[in-house]
Structures are given as C-alpha cells and as structure tokens.
C-alpha atoms as a PDB file:
ATOM      1  CA  MET A   1      39.589 212.067 245.706  1.00  0.00           C
ATOM      2  CA  ASP A   2      40.803 214.601 248.086  1.00  0.00           C
ATOM      3  CA  GLU A   3      44.040 216.249 247.195  1.00  0.00           C
ATOM      4  CA  ILE A   4      45.716 215.561 250.553  1.00  0.00           C
ATOM      5  CA  PHE A   5      44.720 212.005 250.427  1.00  0.00           C
ATOM      6  CA  GLU A   6      46.099 211.780 246.960  1.00  0.00           C
ATOM      7  CA  ALA A   7      49.478 213.074 248.013  1.00  0.00           C
ATOM      8  CA  ALA A   8      49.610 210.694 250.951  1.00  0.00           C
ATOM      9  CA  LEU A   9      48.722 207.741 248.921  1.00  0.00           C
ATOM     10  CA  LEU A  10      50.576 208.440 245.630  1.00  0.00           C
ATOM     11  CA  PHE A  11      53.688 210.346 247.120  1.00  0.00           C
ATOM     12  CA  TRP A  12      54.353 210.131 250.670  1.00  0.00           C
ATOM     13  CA  LEU A  13      53.497 206.566 251.142  1.00  0.00           C
ATOM     14  CA  PRO A  14      55.660 205.401 248.176  1.00  0.00           C
ATOM     15  CA  PHE A  15      58.389 207.819 249.531  1.00  0.00           C
ATOM     16  CA  ALA A  16      58.347 205.942 252.874  1.00  0.00           C
ATOM     17  CA  PHE A  17      58.819 202.676 250.929  1.00  0.00           C
ATOM     18  CA  ILE A  18      62.457 203.763 249.968  1.00  0.00           C
ATOM     19  CA  PRO A  19      63.994 203.812 253.335  1.00  0.00           C
ATOM     20  CA  LEU A  20      61.722 200.872 254.571  1.00  0.00           C
ATOM     21  CA  GLY A  21      62.966 198.846 251.385  1.00  0.00           C
ATOM     22  CA  PHE A  22      66.454 199.640 251.961  1.00  0.00           C
ATOM     23  CA  TRP A  23      66.260 198.453 255.651  1.00  0.00           C
ATOM     24  CA  ILE A  24      64.546 195.223 254.570  1.00  0.00           C
ATOM     25  CA  SER A  25      67.110 194.545 251.789  1.00  0.00           C
ATOM     26  CA  GLN A  26      69.881 194.560 254.344  1.00  0.00           C
ATOM     27  CA  LEU A  27      68.331 191.671 256.229  1.00  0.00           C
ATOM     28  CA  LYS A  28      70.775 188.818 255.416  1.00  0.00           C
ATOM     29  CA  SER A  29      68.649 186.015 256.833  1.00  0.00           C
ATOM     30  CA  SER A  30      66.397 185.425 253.732  1.00  0.00           C
ATOM     31  CA  LYS A  31      66.899 186.146 250.127  1.00  0.00           C
ATOM     32  CA  LEU A  32      63.206 186.660 249.733  1.00  0.00           C
ATOM     33  CA  PHE A  33      63.388 189.638 252.165  1.00  0.00           C
ATOM     34  CA  ASN A  34      66.242 191.076 250.075  1.00  0.00           C
ATOM     35  CA  ASN A  35      64.159 190.828 246.773  1.00  0.00           C
ATOM     36  CA  PHE A  36      61.206 192.272 248.517  1.00  0.00           C
ATOM     37  CA  GLY A  37      63.255 195.294 249.957  1.00  0.00           C
ATOM     38  CA  TYR A  38      64.681 195.972 246.552  1.00  0.00           C
ATOM     39  CA  SER A  39      61.157 195.694 244.973  1.00  0.00           C
ATOM     40  CA  LEU A  40      59.917 198.297 247.486  1.00  0.00           C
ATOM     41  CA  ILE A  41      62.674 200.685 246.637  1.00  0.00           C
ATOM     42  CA  ILE A  42      61.948 200.415 242.846  1.00  0.00           C
ATOM     43  CA  VAL A  43      58.164 200.950 243.411  1.00  0.00           C
ATOM     44  CA  GLY A  44      58.705 203.829 245.617  1.00  0.00           C
ATOM     45  CA  LEU A  45      61.069 205.492 243.269  1.00  0.00           C
ATOM     46  CA  ILE A  46      58.700 204.941 240.350  1.00  0.00           C
ATOM     47  CA  PHE A  47      55.870 206.569 242.222  1.00  0.00           C
ATOM     48  CA  VAL A  48      57.915 209.441 243.583  1.00  0.00           C
ATOM     49  CA  LEU A  49      59.476 210.244 240.163  1.00  0.00           C
ATOM     50  CA  SER A  50      56.045 210.114 238.549  1.00  0.00           C
ATOM     51  CA  SER A  51      54.496 212.489 241.069  1.00  0.00           C
ATOM     52  CA  PRO A  52      54.321 215.462 238.732  1.00  0.00           C
ATOM     53  CA  TRP A  53      51.864 213.475 236.562  1.00  0.00           C
ATOM     54  CA  THR A  54      50.135 211.569 239.278  1.00  0.00           C
ATOM     55  CA  VAL A  55      49.536 214.493 241.719  1.00  0.00           C
ATOM     56  CA  PRO A  56      50.281 217.591 239.816  1.00  0.00           C
ATOM     57  CA  GLU A  57      48.211 219.893 242.025  1.00  0.00           C
ATOM     58  CA  SER A  58      50.068 218.879 245.201  1.00  0.00           C
ATOM     59  CA  PRO A  59      53.223 220.876 246.291  1.00  0.00           C
ATOM     60  CA  SER A  60      54.885 217.580 246.951  1.00  0.00           C
ATOM     61  CA  SER A  61      55.279 216.833 243.362  1.00  0.00           C
ATOM     62  CA  ALA A  62      57.904 219.393 243.217  1.00  0.00           C
ATOM     63  CA  VAL A  63      60.180 217.000 245.270  1.00  0.00           C
ATOM     64  CA  GLY A  64      59.456 214.302 242.697  1.00  0.00           C
ATOM     65  CA  GLN A  65      60.400 216.466 239.818  1.00  0.00           C
ATOM     66  CA  LEU A  66      63.588 217.710 241.471  1.00  0.00           C
ATOM     67  CA  LEU A  67      64.652 214.110 242.204  1.00  0.00           C
ATOM     68  CA  GLY A  68      64.180 213.168 238.549  1.00  0.00           C
ATOM     69  CA  PHE A  69      66.198 216.231 237.351  1.00  0.00           C
ATOM     70  CA  ILE A  70      69.260 215.816 239.685  1.00  0.00           C
ATOM     71  CA  ALA A  71      69.392 212.042 239.805  1.00  0.00           C
ATOM     72  CA  GLY A  72      71.582 211.972 236.615  1.00  0.00           C
ATOM     73  CA  PRO A  73      74.369 214.684 237.366  1.00  0.00           C
ATOM     74  CA  THR A  74      74.530 213.865 241.170  1.00  0.00           C
ATOM     75  CA  ILE A  75      75.158 210.212 240.457  1.00  0.00           C
ATOM     76  CA  LEU A  76      77.775 211.187 237.912  1.00  0.00           C
ATOM     77  CA  VAL A  77      79.498 213.656 240.378  1.00  0.00           C
ATOM     78  CA  LEU A  78      79.608 211.086 243.257  1.00  0.00           C
ATOM     79  CA  HIS A  79      80.683 208.285 240.993  1.00  0.00           C
ATOM     80  CA  GLY A  80      83.522 210.496 239.528  1.00  0.00           C
ATOM     81  CA  LEU A  81      84.701 211.541 242.995  1.00  0.00           C
ATOM     82  CA  TYR A  82      84.716 207.802 244.145  1.00  0.00           C
ATOM     83  CA  LYS A  83      86.701 206.679 241.049  1.00  0.00           C
ATOM     84  CA  ILE A  84      89.315 209.451 241.530  1.00  0.00           C
ATOM     85  CA  ALA A  85      89.695 208.987 245.260  1.00  0.00           C
ATOM     86  CA  TYR A  86      90.204 205.226 245.060  1.00  0.00           C
ATOM     87  CA  SER A  87      92.518 205.296 242.078  1.00  0.00           C
ATOM     88  CA  GLY A  88      95.549 206.340 243.983  1.00  0.00           C
ATOM     89  CA  ASN A  89      97.850 204.737 246.669  1.00  0.00           C
ATOM     90  CA  VAL A  90      95.212 202.946 248.720  1.00  0.00           C
ATOM     91  CA  PRO A  91      95.964 199.590 250.585  1.00  0.00           C
ATOM     92  CA  VAL A  92      92.651 197.811 249.694  1.00  0.00           C
ATOM     93  CA  GLY A  93      90.485 198.091 246.604  1.00  0.00           C
ATOM     94  CA  LYS A  94      92.679 200.182 244.420  1.00  0.00           C
ATOM     95  CA  LEU A  95      91.180 201.139 241.107  1.00  0.00           C
ATOM     96  CA  THR A  96      92.867 201.118 237.778  1.00  0.00           C
ATOM     97  CA  LYS A  97      93.983 204.088 235.620  1.00  0.00           C
ATOM     98  CA  ARG A  98      91.090 203.356 233.444  1.00  0.00           C
ATOM     99  CA  ASP A  99      88.688 203.751 236.443  1.00  0.00           C
ATOM    100  CA  LYS A 100      90.434 207.110 237.137  1.00  0.00           C
ATOM    101  CA  ASN A 101      89.867 208.436 233.689  1.00  0.00           C
ATOM    102  CA  LEU A 102      86.369 207.196 233.803  1.00  0.00           C
ATOM    103  CA  GLY A 103      86.035 209.229 236.995  1.00  0.00           C
ATOM    104  CA  PHE A 104      87.245 212.361 235.382  1.00  0.00           C
ATOM    105  CA  VAL A 105      84.762 211.956 232.617  1.00  0.00           C
ATOM    106  CA  SER A 106      81.875 211.296 234.940  1.00  0.00           C
ATOM    107  CA  LEU A 107      82.883 214.372 237.006  1.00  0.00           C
ATOM    108  CA  PHE A 108      83.181 216.488 234.020  1.00  0.00           C
ATOM    109  CA  VAL A 109      79.884 215.422 232.540  1.00  0.00           C
ATOM    110  CA  GLY A 110      78.037 215.770 235.959  1.00  0.00           C
ATOM    111  CA  ILE A 111      79.333 219.353 236.554  1.00  0.00           C
ATOM    112  CA  THR A 112      78.669 220.333 233.025  1.00  0.00           C
ATOM    113  CA  TRP A 113      75.032 218.987 233.327  1.00  0.00           C
ATOM    114  CA  LEU A 114      74.359 221.087 236.414  1.00  0.00           C
ATOM    115  CA  ASN A 115      75.873 224.090 234.669  1.00  0.00           C
ATOM    116  CA  LEU A 116      73.367 223.680 231.751  1.00  0.00           C
ATOM    117  CA  MET A 117      70.569 223.128 234.276  1.00  0.00           C
ATOM    118  CA  HIS A 118      71.290 226.434 235.903  1.00  0.00           C
ATOM    119  CA  TRP A 119      72.398 228.625 232.894  1.00  0.00           C
ATOM    120  CA  TRP A 120      70.227 227.302 230.124  1.00  0.00           C
ATOM    121  CA  GLY A 121      66.560 226.640 229.787  1.00  0.00           C
ATOM    122  CA  ILE A 122      66.494 223.251 231.501  1.00  0.00           C
ATOM    123  CA  THR A 123      66.119 224.332 234.999  1.00  0.00           C
ATOM    124  CA  PRO A 124      63.480 222.406 236.989  1.00  0.00           C
ATOM    125  CA  SER A 125      60.451 224.525 236.778  1.00  0.00           C
ATOM    126  CA  MET A 126      56.783 224.156 237.952  1.00  0.00           C
ATOM    127  CA  ASP A 127      53.870 226.506 237.203  1.00  0.00           C
ATOM    128  CA  ASN A 128      56.088 228.857 235.269  1.00  0.00           C
ATOM    129  CA  SER A 129      58.443 229.371 238.120  1.00  0.00           C
ATOM    130  CA  VAL A 130      61.653 227.761 239.163  1.00  0.00           C
ATOM    131  CA  ASN A 131      61.313 224.737 241.345  1.00  0.00           C
ATOM    132  CA  ARG A 132      61.863 226.034 244.869  1.00  0.00           C
ATOM    133  CA  TYR A 133      63.611 222.813 245.993  1.00  0.00           C
ATOM    134  CA  TRP A 134      66.102 223.298 243.158  1.00  0.00           C
ATOM    135  CA  LEU A 135      66.886 226.723 244.687  1.00  0.00           C
ATOM    136  CA  VAL A 136      67.717 224.979 247.959  1.00  0.00           C
ATOM    137  CA  PHE A 137      69.634 221.985 246.472  1.00  0.00           C
ATOM    138  CA  LEU A 138      72.003 223.716 244.055  1.00  0.00           C
ATOM    139  CA  PRO A 139      73.585 226.083 246.516  1.00  0.00           C
ATOM    140  CA  ASN A 140      73.798 223.462 249.197  1.00  0.00           C
ATOM    141  CA  LEU A 141      75.314 220.915 246.672  1.00  0.00           C
ATOM    142  CA  LEU A 142      78.001 223.587 245.581  1.00  0.00           C
ATOM    143  CA  LEU A 143      78.837 224.540 249.062  1.00  0.00           C
ATOM    144  CA  SER A 144      78.906 220.878 250.243  1.00  0.00           C
ATOM    145  CA  LEU A 145      81.180 219.829 247.329  1.00  0.00           C
ATOM    146  CA  THR A 146      83.513 222.697 247.933  1.00  0.00           C
ATOM    147  CA  CYS A 147      83.973 222.070 251.719  1.00  0.00           C
ATOM    148  CA  PHE A 148      83.901 218.202 251.244  1.00  0.00           C
ATOM    149  CA  CYS A 149      86.589 218.084 248.511  1.00  0.00           C
ATOM    150  CA  LEU A 150      88.744 220.662 250.512  1.00  0.00           C
ATOM    151  CA  ALA A 151      88.509 218.652 253.598  1.00  0.00           C
ATOM    152  CA  ILE A 152      89.268 215.452 251.926  1.00  0.00           C
ATOM    153  CA  GLY A 153      92.133 216.833 249.974  1.00  0.00           C
ATOM    154  CA  ILE A 154      93.668 218.237 253.209  1.00  0.00           C
ATOM    155  CA  GLY A 155      93.104 214.924 255.005  1.00  0.00           C
ATOM    156  CA  LEU A 156      94.829 212.963 252.128  1.00  0.00           C
ATOM    157  CA  LEU A 157      97.831 215.279 252.477  1.00  0.00           C
ATOM    158  CA  ALA A 158      98.089 215.149 256.351  1.00  0.00           C
ATOM    159  CA  PHE A 159      97.303 211.396 256.704  1.00  0.00           C
ATOM    160  CA  GLY A 160      97.620 209.743 253.250  1.00  0.00           C
ATOM    161  CA  ASP A 161     100.571 207.948 251.884  1.00  0.00           C
ATOM    162  CA  SER A 162     101.761 209.294 248.548  1.00  0.00           C
ATOM    163  CA  ARG A 163      98.266 210.841 247.871  1.00  0.00           C
ATOM    164  CA  ALA A 164      99.352 214.236 246.769  1.00  0.00           C
ATOM    165  CA  ARG A 165      98.054 213.714 243.250  1.00  0.00           C
ATOM    166  CA  GLU A 166      94.605 212.824 244.414  1.00  0.00           C
ATOM    167  CA  SER A 167      94.548 215.592 246.877  1.00  0.00           C
ATOM    168  CA  ARG A 168      95.307 217.935 243.907  1.00  0.00           C
ATOM    169  CA  TYR A 169      92.393 216.677 241.931  1.00  0.00           C
ATOM    170  CA  LEU A 170      90.175 217.094 244.855  1.00  0.00           C
ATOM    171  CA  PHE A 171      91.425 220.662 245.391  1.00  0.00           C
ATOM    172  CA  ALA A 172      90.683 221.331 241.596  1.00  0.00           C
ATOM    173  CA  MET A 173      87.172 219.969 242.214  1.00  0.00           C
ATOM    174  CA  ALA A 174      86.604 222.269 245.122  1.00  0.00           C
ATOM    175  CA  SER A 175      87.960 225.223 243.158  1.00  0.00           C
ATOM    176  CA  ALA A 176      85.496 224.445 240.249  1.00  0.00           C
ATOM    177  CA  SER A 177      82.514 224.167 242.655  1.00  0.00           C
ATOM    178  CA  PHE A 178      83.338 227.550 244.223  1.00  0.00           C
ATOM    179  CA  ILE A 179      83.786 229.255 240.916  1.00  0.00           C
ATOM    180  CA  PHE A 180      80.557 227.928 239.686  1.00  0.00           C
ATOM    181  CA  LEU A 181      78.987 229.240 243.036  1.00  0.00           C
ATOM    182  CA  LEU A 182      80.506 232.731 242.594  1.00  0.00           C
ATOM    183  CA  CYS A 183      79.441 232.959 239.016  1.00  0.00           C
ATOM    184  CA  ALA A 184      75.907 231.979 239.893  1.00  0.00           C
ATOM    185  CA  MET A 185      75.990 234.600 242.578  1.00  0.00           C
ATOM    186  CA  ASN A 186      77.008 237.484 240.308  1.00  0.00           C
ATOM    187  CA  LEU A 187      75.598 236.662 236.904  1.00  0.00           C
ATOM    188  CA  ASP A 188      71.998 236.166 235.885  1.00  0.00           C
ATOM    189  CA  SER A 189      70.822 232.942 234.339  1.00  0.00           C
ATOM    190  CA  ILE A 190      67.789 232.546 231.952  1.00  0.00           C
ATOM    191  CA  ASN A 191      65.284 231.604 234.805  1.00  0.00           C
ATOM    192  CA  LEU A 192      66.953 233.107 237.823  1.00  0.00           C
ATOM    193  CA  THR A 193      68.629 236.376 238.815  1.00  0.00           C
ATOM    194  CA  ALA A 194      71.844 236.644 240.661  1.00  0.00           C
ATOM    195  CA  ILE A 195      70.147 238.466 243.497  1.00  0.00           C
ATOM    196  CA  GLU A 196      67.609 235.777 244.069  1.00  0.00           C
ATOM    197  CA  PHE A 197      70.392 233.140 243.994  1.00  0.00           C
ATOM    198  CA  ARG A 198      72.555 234.987 246.580  1.00  0.00           C
ATOM    199  CA  GLU A 199      69.545 234.861 249.007  1.00  0.00           C
ATOM    200  CA  TYR A 200      69.468 231.128 248.718  1.00  0.00           C
ATOM    201  CA  VAL A 201      73.257 230.900 249.182  1.00  0.00           C
ATOM    202  CA  TRP A 202      73.292 232.632 252.335  1.00  0.00           C
ATOM    203  CA  LEU A 203      70.386 230.394 253.589  1.00  0.00           C
ATOM    204  CA  SER A 204      72.399 227.402 252.598  1.00  0.00           C
ATOM    205  CA  VAL A 205      75.464 228.763 254.438  1.00  0.00           C
ATOM    206  CA  ALA A 206      73.307 229.168 257.542  1.00  0.00           C
ATOM    207  CA  ASP A 207      71.890 225.487 256.979  1.00  0.00           C
ATOM    208  CA  LEU A 208      75.282 224.010 256.590  1.00  0.00           C
ATOM    209  CA  LEU A 209      76.653 225.974 259.627  1.00  0.00           C
ATOM    210  CA  GLY A 210      73.675 224.858 261.754  1.00  0.00           C
ATOM    211  CA  ILE A 211      74.317 221.238 260.644  1.00  0.00           C
ATOM    212  CA  PHE A 212      78.072 221.549 261.590  1.00  0.00           C
ATOM    213  CA  ILE A 213      77.344 223.246 264.900  1.00  0.00           C
ATOM    214  CA  GLY A 214      74.838 220.672 265.676  1.00  0.00           C
ATOM    215  CA  ALA A 215      77.042 217.772 264.802  1.00  0.00           C
ATOM    216  CA  VAL A 216      79.846 219.250 266.949  1.00  0.00           C
ATOM    217  CA  LEU A 217      77.508 219.691 269.907  1.00  0.00           C
ATOM    218  CA  ALA A 218      76.201 216.097 269.454  1.00  0.00           C
ATOM    219  CA  ILE A 219      79.664 214.647 269.495  1.00  0.00           C
ATOM    220  CA  MET A 220      80.666 216.724 272.480  1.00  0.00           C
ATOM    221  CA  SER A 221      77.471 215.563 274.358  1.00  0.00           C
ATOM    222  CA  PHE A 222      78.127 212.030 273.515  1.00  0.00           C
ATOM    223  CA  ALA A 223      81.842 212.200 274.566  1.00  0.00           C
ATOM    224  CA  SER A 224      80.742 213.990 277.763  1.00  0.00           C
ATOM    225  CA  VAL A 225      78.369 211.475 278.707  1.00  0.00           C
ATOM    226  CA  ILE A 226      81.037 208.594 278.146  1.00  0.00           C
ATOM    227  CA  PHE A 227      83.577 210.580 280.034  1.00  0.00           C
ATOM    228  CA  VAL A 228      81.148 211.048 282.999  1.00  0.00           C
ATOM    229  CA  TYR A 229      80.000 207.565 283.009  1.00  0.00           C
ATOM    230  CA  GLU A 230      83.625 206.147 282.972  1.00  0.00           C
ATOM    231  CA  LYS A 231      84.847 208.601 285.593  1.00  0.00           C
ATOM    232  CA  ASN A 232      82.127 207.401 287.928  1.00  0.00           C
ATOM    233  CA  LEU A 233      82.904 203.874 287.621  1.00  0.00           C
ATOM    234  CA  PRO A 234      84.500 202.159 290.594  1.00  0.00           C
ATOM    235  CA  LYS A 235      88.130 201.265 290.472  1.00  0.00           C
ATOM    236  CA  PRO A 236      88.721 197.669 289.433  1.00  0.00           C
ATOM    237  CA  VAL A 237      89.536 195.413 292.417  1.00  0.00           C
ATOM    238  CA  SER A 238      93.098 194.145 292.375  1.00  0.00           C
ATOM    239  CA  ILE A 239      93.291 190.325 292.478  1.00  0.00           C
ATOM    240  CA  GLU A 240      95.659 188.400 294.753  1.00  0.00           C
ATOM    241  CA  PRO A 241      99.090 187.170 293.228  1.00  0.00           C
ATOM    242  CA  PRO A 242      99.047 183.592 292.272  1.00  0.00           C
ATOM    243  CA  THR A 243      99.940 181.018 294.974  1.00  0.00           C
ATOM    244  CA  SER A 244     102.802 178.492 294.726  1.00  0.00           C
ATOM    245  CA  ASP A 245     100.211 175.738 294.019  1.00  0.00           C
ATOM    246  CA  GLU A 246      98.689 177.750 291.182  1.00  0.00           C
ATOM    247  CA  LEU A 247     102.167 178.405 289.719  1.00  0.00           C
ATOM    248  CA  ALA A 248     103.071 174.730 289.852  1.00  0.00           C
ATOM    249  CA  VAL A 249      99.794 173.886 287.995  1.00  0.00           C
ATOM    250  CA  VAL A 250     100.686 176.519 285.345  1.00  0.00           C
ATOM    251  CA  SER A 251     104.265 175.176 285.094  1.00  0.00           C
ATOM    252  CA  ARG A 252     102.895 171.638 284.623  1.00  0.00           C
ATOM    253  CA  VAL A 253     100.547 172.637 281.862  1.00  0.00           C
ATOM    254  CA  ILE A 254     103.150 174.628 280.045  1.00  0.00           C
ATOM    255  CA  LYS A 255     105.622 171.644 280.344  1.00  0.00           C
ATOM    256  CA  ASN A 256     102.841 169.236 279.006  1.00  0.00           C
ATOM    257  CA  ASN A 257     102.163 171.410 275.941  1.00  0.00           C
ATOM    258  CA  LEU A 258     105.628 172.936 275.238  1.00  0.00           C
ATOM    259  CA  GLY A 259     107.971 170.405 276.518  1.00  0.00           C
ATOM    260  CA  ASP A 260     110.854 170.786 278.870  1.00  0.00           C
ATOM    261  CA  GLU A 261     113.543 173.085 277.622  1.00  0.00           C
ATOM    262  CA  ASN A 262     116.305 170.678 279.130  1.00  0.00           C
ATOM    263  CA  SER A 263     114.834 167.706 277.361  1.00  0.00           C
END
C-alpha cells in the first residue's frame, strides 16, 4: 500500500473522526446519534494514538506519538487548574476543600511529569531524535500557562469577590511555569541543548504574539462592522401618543384585572 494512502487511511481519516464525532455527540435529538458520536471519537483516538505502529514510516505518526505522551500530564494540569479555580468563592458550582487538595495534587503531578519528560530520558523521540512536535508543544504550553494563569489571577483580583487566595495560587502556577521555561532555556537536558530549546521558545513567542494580534484584529473588525451597520440604520419612527379612546380601553382592562382602588 502506498505510504501516502496509508497515512490518509490510518491517521488523517481517524483524526477527522474526532471533531466529527464531537459534533455529532452534541446533537440532543437522538441518543443513538450521541452514542455514535462518542464511538467515532474513541475509534479516532485509538487509530491516532496507535499511528507510531500502524504508519511508522509516515511523518504524521509523530503527532500520534506526541498525543500519547502529553495526554496524561496535560489532563492533570488542566484538571488541577479547574479544581483550584472553582474551589473558592464562586456563586455556582463551588467545589469542596477536598477537591481543591485534589487539584493541587493533580497540578503537582502534571508539572512533575512534564519536567521528567524534558530533563530525563522519557522525552518523546522518533528515529533517534526528539519529536519535533514536542519542541513546539512544550514552549507553547509553558508560555501559555504563564500568561493564562497570570491573566486569570489578575482578573480574579480585579473582578472577583474574595478570590485573593485563588489568585495567589494562580500566580504561583505562573511563576512555576516561567521558572521551568527559564531553566530549560539555560540548562541542557539529556536529549536537548539549551540553545536548541531557546530557538523554539522564540518561535513560540512569535506564534502566541501572532495569535494575540490576530485575535485583537478579528475582534476590532467584528466590532467595526457592527458599529458601521448600526450607525447606518435609520432612526426609529416615533409613534403617535395614545388617544383618549385607547386610554379608556387600557383603564378598563386594568380595572377588570386589578380592581378599582376605591372599591
């Protein structure tokens, strides 16, 4: 079988099953469609994660290998952030202290796991070299965590009610991510030099800056379109005041429903 056809059949087609299955699973009209959507997601994930064995010669298998490596620590980090953020003074869906402690444990295990993947010999590698997608993922993750936790922490202080403790937790998480990033930029690991990692960090900074600028421009464009559209709308036509007959009808309806004050 042709290598390109194998990659399309055993990787890209199952990869497309994941968003398609998620979309189908959100259809509330039929439970059968929901189950079918979840089944598509599971089948797609199985094929994508097994791509290092099903299509080992294809460059696409590096994506499947990376997803298999980062699924655990990424889920733990996101789970920990959720538990910590919603264990404070929130009006709806407040979590318990036990959930908050579980969030700290998940966060610690996830960050430690990522540290071990970078500094020890369990870095995602293919063909005796570091997985190139890992070199893109890790700097973007650390930079995103730093910026996200810092922004949410400032938001909790500015707009939250008695959320100072949770904001301190998020500031600590932002500091830990940034320290991890600085260490990786200045200290060699077993499989990667600091110079190589710094190159990918600057590329990640450019990526995130481009995403931010693009998002700002998209919001400004959308707001400009709405502003111009509403500005060009004709002024609403003023209606005539009610006549005495209309006022009499209204008074009669009010009296029939609420009664006469003098009665």
